[in-house]
Amino acid sequence: MPENIAVVVDPSAVDADHKFVVALKAKFDHGVATNAASHLCLGLVAKAVAERPDLLPTMSFLDFPDAEGGEHSPVSGLSLVVLEGRPAWLRRLREQARATGLLCTDFTSDMTGDTYAEQRERMRKRPEQELDYYGVAVFGPRAAVDPLTKKFSLLR
């Protein structure tokens, strides 16, 4: 990562025109959904570091000091909306986000259980059309993200 890119920004630099979205499979076990969402968010930031470090300041990570001067950071100052939708919508969201150049990650059923080595081996054997998407995470301008997620509903 280039040295001149700030990960934690000044609050005045928050770009509220951008947002994070995590879309999860509807009617899903909450524990598995939480695990998938966590992996998706971690992967999204790791992907930004590796492929799009220019986006890191736009992710608007901030320090949150408390009254005693304790630090609670970094946390993004942007919206992170968690949605749910049909499996076909998750696949379409992934395809459209990638096609439009938005930063995105996905998480499938083959990425759970066993060790990472066994998970990777299962993924290598499964064609994309057979993947069971548990979730997709997207980061980008609201104007680009919102049209792709309008069919989804808020996770309840």
Protein backbone atom coordinates (compact mmCIF):
# COMPACT_ATOMS: atom_id res chain seq x y z
CA MET A 1 0.00 0.00 0.00
CA PRO A 2 1.40 3.42 -0.86
CA GLU A 3 2.60 5.31 2.19
CA ASN A 4 0.69 8.50 1.40
CA ILE A 5 -2.79 6.95 1.73
CA ALA A 6 -4.54 7.71 5.02
CA VAL A 7 -6.80 4.96 6.31
CA VAL A 8 -8.18 7.00 9.21
CA VAL A 9 -9.44 10.37 7.99
CA ASP A 10 -10.42 13.67 9.53
CA PRO A 11 -14.21 13.85 10.17
CA SER A 12 -14.44 16.75 7.71
CA ALA A 13 -13.25 14.36 4.96
CA VAL A 14 -16.16 11.91 5.31
CA ASP A 15 -17.63 11.28 1.86
CA ALA A 16 -21.32 10.62 2.56
CA ASP A 17 -21.91 10.01 -1.16
CA HIS A 18 -20.48 6.50 -0.64
CA LYS A 19 -21.85 3.53 1.28
CA PHE A 20 -21.28 -0.07 2.26
CA VAL A 21 -23.94 -2.69 1.61
CA VAL A 22 -23.99 -6.27 2.83
CA ALA A 23 -26.72 -8.34 1.18
CA LEU A 24 -27.43 -11.72 2.77
CA LYS A 25 -29.50 -14.71 1.77
CA ALA A 26 -33.07 -14.31 3.05
CA LYS A 27 -34.46 -16.55 5.79
CA PHE A 28 -31.01 -17.53 6.92
CA ASP A 29 -29.67 -18.81 10.26
CA HIS A 30 -28.54 -15.73 12.21
CA GLY A 31 -25.26 -17.29 13.32
CA VAL A 32 -24.26 -18.26 9.79
CA ALA A 33 -25.45 -14.87 8.48
CA THR A 34 -23.32 -13.06 11.07
CA ASN A 35 -20.30 -15.16 10.13
CA ALA A 36 -20.85 -14.49 6.42
CA ALA A 37 -21.32 -10.74 6.98
CA SER A 38 -18.13 -10.54 9.03
CA HIS A 39 -16.09 -12.35 6.37
CA LEU A 40 -17.62 -10.16 3.65
CA CYS A 41 -16.67 -6.92 5.42
CA LEU A 42 -13.15 -8.10 6.20
CA GLY A 43 -12.73 -9.22 2.61
CA LEU A 44 -14.04 -5.94 1.23
CA VAL A 45 -11.45 -3.90 3.14
CA ALA A 46 -8.67 -6.39 2.29
CA LYS A 47 -9.64 -6.15 -1.38
CA ALA A 48 -9.50 -2.36 -1.20
CA VAL A 49 -6.01 -2.54 0.34
CA ALA A 50 -4.78 -4.95 -2.33
CA GLU A 51 -6.56 -3.68 -5.44
CA ARG A 52 -7.95 -0.20 -4.81
CA PRO A 53 -6.00 1.60 -2.07
CA ASP A 54 -7.31 4.88 -3.50
CA LEU A 55 -10.72 3.91 -2.04
CA LEU A 56 -9.50 3.59 1.55
CA PRO A 57 -9.89 7.29 2.43
CA THR A 58 -13.34 7.22 0.80
CA MET A 59 -14.32 4.43 3.22
CA SER A 60 -14.08 7.19 5.85
CA PHE A 61 -12.60 5.35 8.83
CA LEU A 62 -12.61 7.64 11.86
CA ASP A 63 -11.26 7.78 15.39
CA PHE A 64 -14.00 7.81 18.04
CA PRO A 65 -12.49 9.10 21.31
CA ASP A 66 -14.55 8.95 24.48
CA ALA A 67 -14.75 11.60 27.24
CA GLU A 68 -11.70 10.17 29.02
CA GLY A 69 -9.61 10.20 25.84
CA GLY A 70 -9.95 6.46 25.23
CA GLU A 71 -9.87 5.40 21.59
CA HIS A 72 -12.64 3.39 19.96
CA SER A 73 -11.46 3.18 16.40
CA PRO A 74 -11.26 2.84 13.55
CA VAL A 75 -14.93 2.77 12.64
CA SER A 76 -16.35 3.99 9.36
CA GLY A 77 -18.45 7.13 9.46
CA LEU A 78 -20.44 5.85 6.46
CA SER A 79 -23.64 3.90 6.30
CA LEU A 80 -23.34 0.13 6.32
CA VAL A 81 -26.72 -1.23 5.32
CA VAL A 82 -27.49 -4.92 5.84
CA LEU A 83 -30.08 -6.27 3.43
CA GLU A 84 -31.60 -9.64 2.62
CA GLY A 85 -32.82 -11.11 -0.62
CA ARG A 86 -33.35 -14.12 -2.80
CA PRO A 87 -30.35 -16.23 -3.87
CA ALA A 88 -30.80 -15.22 -7.53
CA TRP A 89 -30.63 -11.56 -6.49
CA LEU A 90 -27.32 -12.16 -4.70
CA ARG A 91 -25.81 -13.71 -7.83
CA ARG A 92 -27.12 -10.81 -9.95
CA LEU A 93 -25.82 -8.23 -7.46
CA ARG A 94 -22.36 -9.81 -7.62
CA GLU A 95 -22.40 -9.86 -11.43
CA GLN A 96 -23.65 -6.28 -11.77
CA ALA A 97 -21.29 -4.88 -9.13
CA ARG A 98 -18.31 -6.50 -10.84
CA ALA A 99 -19.50 -5.38 -14.29
CA THR A 100 -19.80 -1.76 -13.15
CA GLY A 101 -16.42 -1.77 -11.41
CA LEU A 102 -17.72 -1.52 -7.85
CA LEU A 103 -15.64 -3.04 -5.10
CA CYS A 104 -17.37 -6.27 -4.06
CA THR A 105 -16.82 -9.57 -2.29
CA ASP A 106 -18.97 -12.67 -1.98
CA PHE A 107 -19.32 -15.56 0.45
CA THR A 108 -20.72 -18.99 -0.40
CA SER A 109 -21.78 -22.14 1.42
CA ASP A 110 -18.53 -23.79 0.35
CA MET A 111 -16.61 -21.26 2.46
CA THR A 112 -17.94 -22.66 5.75
CA GLY A 113 -17.03 -25.67 7.86
CA ASP A 114 -13.78 -27.63 7.90
CA THR A 115 -10.46 -25.87 7.24
CA TYR A 116 -9.74 -23.15 4.72
CA ALA A 117 -7.84 -25.74 2.65
CA GLU A 118 -10.92 -27.97 2.42
CA GLN A 119 -13.13 -24.95 1.69
CA ARG A 120 -10.84 -23.89 -1.15
CA GLU A 121 -10.86 -27.42 -2.56
CA ARG A 122 -14.69 -27.48 -2.56
CA MET A 123 -14.76 -24.12 -4.36
CA ARG A 124 -12.31 -25.36 -7.02
CA LYS A 125 -14.70 -28.22 -7.84
CA ARG A 126 -17.92 -26.18 -8.07
CA PRO A 127 -18.98 -24.28 -11.21
CA GLU A 128 -20.13 -20.72 -10.50
CA GLN A 129 -23.74 -21.44 -11.45
CA GLU A 130 -23.88 -24.11 -8.71
CA LEU A 131 -22.58 -21.84 -5.95
CA ASP A 132 -24.94 -21.16 -3.05
CA TYR A 133 -24.30 -17.48 -2.25
CA TYR A 134 -24.71 -16.63 1.42
CA GLY A 135 -23.94 -12.98 0.82
CA VAL A 136 -22.39 -10.21 -1.25
CA ALA A 137 -20.78 -7.00 0.03
CA VAL A 138 -20.44 -3.87 -2.09
CA PHE A 139 -18.79 -0.51 -1.57
CA GLY A 140 -19.14 2.51 -3.80
CA PRO A 141 -21.02 5.67 -4.66
CA ARG A 142 -24.66 5.59 -3.54
CA ALA A 143 -25.72 6.49 -7.08
CA ALA A 144 -24.13 3.27 -8.37
CA VAL A 145 -24.95 0.96 -5.43
CA ASP A 146 -28.60 1.88 -4.77
CA PRO A 147 -30.00 0.80 -8.17
CA LEU A 148 -28.35 -2.61 -7.75
CA THR A 149 -29.87 -3.22 -4.31
CA LYS A 150 -33.36 -1.73 -4.67
CA LYS A 151 -35.10 -5.16 -4.74
CA PHE A 152 -33.56 -6.20 -1.42
CA SER A 153 -35.20 -5.49 1.93
CA LEU A 154 -33.61 -4.54 5.24
CA LEU A 155 -32.49 -7.53 7.29
CA ARG A 156 -34.82 -8.05 10.22
